[in-house]
Amino acid sequence: MMILVFAQWCINHDLDPITIYTEAYPHQEKNKELIEALDLTVPKKESDLIDSETILEVLSLYGNDDLAFVVSDYIHRKNLE
């Protein structure tokens, strides 16, 4: 579920989830779960809002601190809500 929320948040903000994930975990092989989650995302017009605070809380809840750090950087650089 966390991966799907992350992927949808990226889609909603016109960001590439694979690029962001790779920035957080550059030494990992391709994340099969993320690729599978991308198939379950919907276009941003059809998606419910996932605000930036929520995505950071979800990532932290699941212990994805490196990914939360990279996402936080994107939030601040791109002034995402």
N, C-alpha and C. Protein backbone atom coordinates (compact mmCIF):
# COMPACT_ATOMS: atom_id res chain seq x y z
N MET A 1 0.83 -1.19 0.00
CA MET A 1 0.00 0.00 0.00
C MET A 1 0.87 1.26 0.00
N MET A 2 1.95 1.25 0.79
CA MET A 2 2.82 2.41 0.86
C MET A 2 3.41 2.73 -0.50
N ILE A 3 3.78 1.70 -1.24
CA ILE A 3 4.39 1.91 -2.56
C ILE A 3 3.38 2.52 -3.52
N LEU A 4 2.15 2.05 -3.45
CA LEU A 4 1.11 2.60 -4.31
C LEU A 4 0.83 4.07 -3.97
N VAL A 5 0.79 4.40 -2.70
CA VAL A 5 0.57 5.79 -2.29
C VAL A 5 1.72 6.67 -2.80
N PHE A 6 2.94 6.18 -2.64
CA PHE A 6 4.10 6.92 -3.14
C PHE A 6 4.02 7.13 -4.66
N ALA A 7 3.73 6.06 -5.38
CA ALA A 7 3.66 6.14 -6.85
C ALA A 7 2.57 7.11 -7.28
N GLN A 8 1.40 7.05 -6.63
CA GLN A 8 0.31 7.94 -7.01
C GLN A 8 0.64 9.38 -6.67
N TRP A 9 1.28 9.61 -5.54
CA TRP A 9 1.69 10.97 -5.18
C TRP A 9 2.61 11.53 -6.26
N CYS A 10 3.55 10.73 -6.73
CA CYS A 10 4.46 11.17 -7.79
C CYS A 10 3.68 11.50 -9.06
N ILE A 11 2.79 10.63 -9.46
CA ILE A 11 1.98 10.86 -10.66
C ILE A 11 1.19 12.15 -10.50
N ASN A 12 0.61 12.36 -9.33
CA ASN A 12 -0.19 13.56 -9.08
C ASN A 12 0.62 14.85 -9.17
N HIS A 13 1.94 14.74 -8.99
CA HIS A 13 2.80 15.92 -9.03
C HIS A 13 3.72 15.91 -10.25
N ASP A 14 3.37 15.11 -11.25
CA ASP A 14 4.14 15.03 -12.50
C ASP A 14 5.61 14.68 -12.26
N LEU A 15 5.83 13.77 -11.34
CA LEU A 15 7.18 13.30 -11.02
C LEU A 15 7.30 11.83 -11.39
N ASP A 16 8.50 11.39 -11.70
CA ASP A 16 8.74 9.99 -12.04
C ASP A 16 9.09 9.21 -10.78
N PRO A 17 8.22 8.30 -10.36
CA PRO A 17 8.47 7.56 -9.12
C PRO A 17 9.75 6.72 -9.17
N ILE A 18 10.08 6.18 -10.32
CA ILE A 18 11.27 5.34 -10.42
C ILE A 18 12.53 6.19 -10.24
N THR A 19 12.54 7.37 -10.83
CA THR A 19 13.68 8.28 -10.67
C THR A 19 13.87 8.67 -9.21
N ILE A 20 12.79 9.03 -8.56
CA ILE A 20 12.87 9.45 -7.16
C ILE A 20 13.31 8.29 -6.28
N TYR A 21 12.75 7.11 -6.51
CA TYR A 21 13.13 5.93 -5.73
C TYR A 21 14.61 5.62 -5.93
N THR A 22 15.08 5.73 -7.16
CA THR A 22 16.49 5.46 -7.46
C THR A 22 17.41 6.47 -6.79
N GLU A 23 16.97 7.70 -6.67
CA GLU A 23 17.76 8.71 -5.95
C GLU A 23 17.92 8.32 -4.49
N ALA A 24 16.86 7.79 -3.91
CA ALA A 24 16.89 7.40 -2.49
C ALA A 24 17.68 6.12 -2.27
N TYR A 25 17.58 5.19 -3.21
CA TYR A 25 18.22 3.88 -3.07
C TYR A 25 19.00 3.55 -4.34
N PRO A 26 20.11 4.26 -4.58
CA PRO A 26 20.84 4.10 -5.85
C PRO A 26 21.48 2.73 -6.04
N HIS A 27 21.70 1.99 -4.99
CA HIS A 27 22.40 0.71 -5.11
C HIS A 27 21.45 -0.48 -5.17
N GLN A 28 20.15 -0.21 -5.10
CA GLN A 28 19.19 -1.31 -5.21
C GLN A 28 18.90 -1.61 -6.67
N GLU A 29 18.57 -2.87 -6.91
CA GLU A 29 18.11 -3.23 -8.24
C GLU A 29 16.72 -2.66 -8.43
N LYS A 30 16.17 -2.83 -9.63
CA LYS A 30 14.82 -2.34 -9.88
C LYS A 30 13.86 -2.88 -8.84
N ASN A 31 12.96 -2.04 -8.39
CA ASN A 31 11.98 -2.43 -7.39
C ASN A 31 10.75 -2.97 -8.10
N LYS A 32 10.58 -4.30 -8.05
CA LYS A 32 9.45 -4.93 -8.74
C LYS A 32 8.12 -4.45 -8.20
N GLU A 33 8.04 -4.24 -6.90
CA GLU A 33 6.79 -3.79 -6.30
C GLU A 33 6.39 -2.40 -6.81
N LEU A 34 7.38 -1.53 -6.99
CA LEU A 34 7.10 -0.20 -7.51
C LEU A 34 6.61 -0.28 -8.96
N ILE A 35 7.25 -1.10 -9.75
CA ILE A 35 6.82 -1.26 -11.14
C ILE A 35 5.40 -1.81 -11.20
N GLU A 36 5.08 -2.77 -10.34
CA GLU A 36 3.72 -3.31 -10.28
C GLU A 36 2.74 -2.24 -9.80
N ALA A 37 3.14 -1.43 -8.84
CA ALA A 37 2.25 -0.38 -8.32
C ALA A 37 1.94 0.66 -9.39
N LEU A 38 2.89 0.91 -10.28
CA LEU A 38 2.66 1.88 -11.35
C LEU A 38 1.49 1.46 -12.24
N ASP A 39 1.31 0.16 -12.38
CA ASP A 39 0.17 -0.34 -13.17
C ASP A 39 -1.16 -0.06 -12.48
N LEU A 40 -1.13 0.18 -11.19
CA LEU A 40 -2.36 0.42 -10.42
C LEU A 40 -2.67 1.90 -10.23
N THR A 41 -1.75 2.75 -10.62
CA THR A 41 -2.01 4.19 -10.47
C THR A 41 -3.03 4.65 -11.50
N VAL A 42 -3.63 5.79 -11.22
CA VAL A 42 -4.60 6.38 -12.13
C VAL A 42 -4.07 7.74 -12.57
N PRO A 43 -4.60 8.26 -13.68
CA PRO A 43 -4.19 9.62 -14.07
C PRO A 43 -4.51 10.60 -12.96
N LYS A 44 -3.71 11.65 -12.86
CA LYS A 44 -3.88 12.58 -11.73
C LYS A 44 -5.26 13.22 -11.70
N LYS A 45 -5.91 13.36 -12.85
CA LYS A 45 -7.27 13.91 -12.89
C LYS A 45 -8.26 13.02 -12.15
N GLU A 46 -7.98 11.71 -12.12
CA GLU A 46 -8.89 10.75 -11.50
C GLU A 46 -8.52 10.41 -10.06
N SER A 47 -7.39 10.90 -9.60
CA SER A 47 -6.88 10.53 -8.28
C SER A 47 -7.42 11.43 -7.18
N ASP A 48 -7.54 10.85 -6.00
CA ASP A 48 -7.79 11.66 -4.82
C ASP A 48 -6.51 12.41 -4.46
N LEU A 49 -6.66 13.49 -3.75
CA LEU A 49 -5.51 14.28 -3.30
C LEU A 49 -4.70 13.48 -2.29
N ILE A 50 -3.40 13.47 -2.49
CA ILE A 50 -2.45 12.94 -1.51
C ILE A 50 -1.52 14.10 -1.21
N ASP A 51 -1.71 14.72 -0.05
CA ASP A 51 -0.90 15.90 0.22
C ASP A 51 0.51 15.49 0.67
N SER A 52 1.38 16.45 0.65
CA SER A 52 2.80 16.20 0.95
C SER A 52 3.02 15.71 2.37
N GLU A 53 2.27 16.24 3.30
CA GLU A 53 2.40 15.79 4.68
C GLU A 53 2.04 14.31 4.81
N THR A 54 0.99 13.90 4.11
CA THR A 54 0.55 12.50 4.16
C THR A 54 1.61 11.57 3.61
N ILE A 55 2.19 11.91 2.46
CA ILE A 55 3.19 11.01 1.87
C ILE A 55 4.41 10.89 2.78
N LEU A 56 4.82 11.98 3.40
CA LEU A 56 5.96 11.92 4.32
C LEU A 56 5.64 11.07 5.54
N GLU A 57 4.42 11.18 6.06
CA GLU A 57 4.02 10.37 7.21
C GLU A 57 3.98 8.89 6.86
N VAL A 58 3.44 8.57 5.69
CA VAL A 58 3.36 7.18 5.26
C VAL A 58 4.75 6.59 5.07
N LEU A 59 5.63 7.32 4.42
CA LEU A 59 6.99 6.82 4.22
C LEU A 59 7.71 6.62 5.54
N SER A 60 7.54 7.55 6.45
CA SER A 60 8.18 7.42 7.77
C SER A 60 7.59 6.27 8.57
N LEU A 61 6.29 6.10 8.47
CA LEU A 61 5.62 5.01 9.18
C LEU A 61 6.19 3.66 8.78
N TYR A 62 6.53 3.51 7.50
CA TYR A 62 7.07 2.26 6.99
C TYR A 62 8.61 2.22 7.04
N GLY A 63 9.22 3.22 7.64
CA GLY A 63 10.67 3.20 7.82
C GLY A 63 11.46 3.53 6.57
N ASN A 64 10.82 4.15 5.59
CA ASN A 64 11.52 4.55 4.36
C ASN A 64 12.07 5.97 4.52
N ASP A 65 12.98 6.11 5.46
CA ASP A 65 13.51 7.43 5.78
C ASP A 65 14.33 8.03 4.63
N ASP A 66 15.08 7.19 3.92
CA ASP A 66 15.86 7.72 2.79
C ASP A 66 14.93 8.25 1.70
N LEU A 67 13.87 7.51 1.42
CA LEU A 67 12.91 7.95 0.42
C LEU A 67 12.17 9.19 0.90
N ALA A 68 11.81 9.23 2.18
CA ALA A 68 11.14 10.40 2.74
C ALA A 68 12.04 11.63 2.63
N PHE A 69 13.34 11.47 2.82
CA PHE A 69 14.27 12.58 2.69
C PHE A 69 14.28 13.13 1.27
N VAL A 70 14.34 12.23 0.27
CA VAL A 70 14.36 12.65 -1.13
C VAL A 70 13.03 13.30 -1.50
N VAL A 71 11.92 12.71 -1.07
CA VAL A 71 10.60 13.29 -1.34
C VAL A 71 10.50 14.67 -0.71
N SER A 72 10.97 14.81 0.51
CA SER A 72 10.95 16.10 1.19
C SER A 72 11.74 17.14 0.41
N ASP A 73 12.87 16.73 -0.14
CA ASP A 73 13.67 17.64 -0.96
C ASP A 73 12.89 18.09 -2.19
N TYR A 74 12.20 17.16 -2.85
CA TYR A 74 11.37 17.52 -4.01
C TYR A 74 10.25 18.48 -3.60
N ILE A 75 9.65 18.22 -2.46
CA ILE A 75 8.56 19.07 -1.98
C ILE A 75 9.05 20.51 -1.82
N HIS A 76 10.21 20.67 -1.22
CA HIS A 76 10.73 22.00 -0.96
C HIS A 76 11.27 22.67 -2.23
N ARG A 77 11.94 21.91 -3.09
CA ARG A 77 12.49 22.49 -4.32
C ARG A 77 11.41 22.90 -5.29
N LYS A 78 10.35 22.10 -5.37
CA LYS A 78 9.29 22.37 -6.33
C LYS A 78 8.08 23.05 -5.71
N ASN A 79 8.18 23.35 -4.40
CA ASN A 79 7.09 24.02 -3.68
C ASN A 79 5.77 23.27 -3.85
N LEU A 80 5.81 21.96 -3.60
CA LEU A 80 4.62 21.13 -3.75
C LEU A 80 3.79 21.18 -2.48
N GLU A 81 2.52 21.13 -2.65
CA GLU A 81 1.59 21.11 -1.52
C GLU A 81 1.22 19.70 -1.18
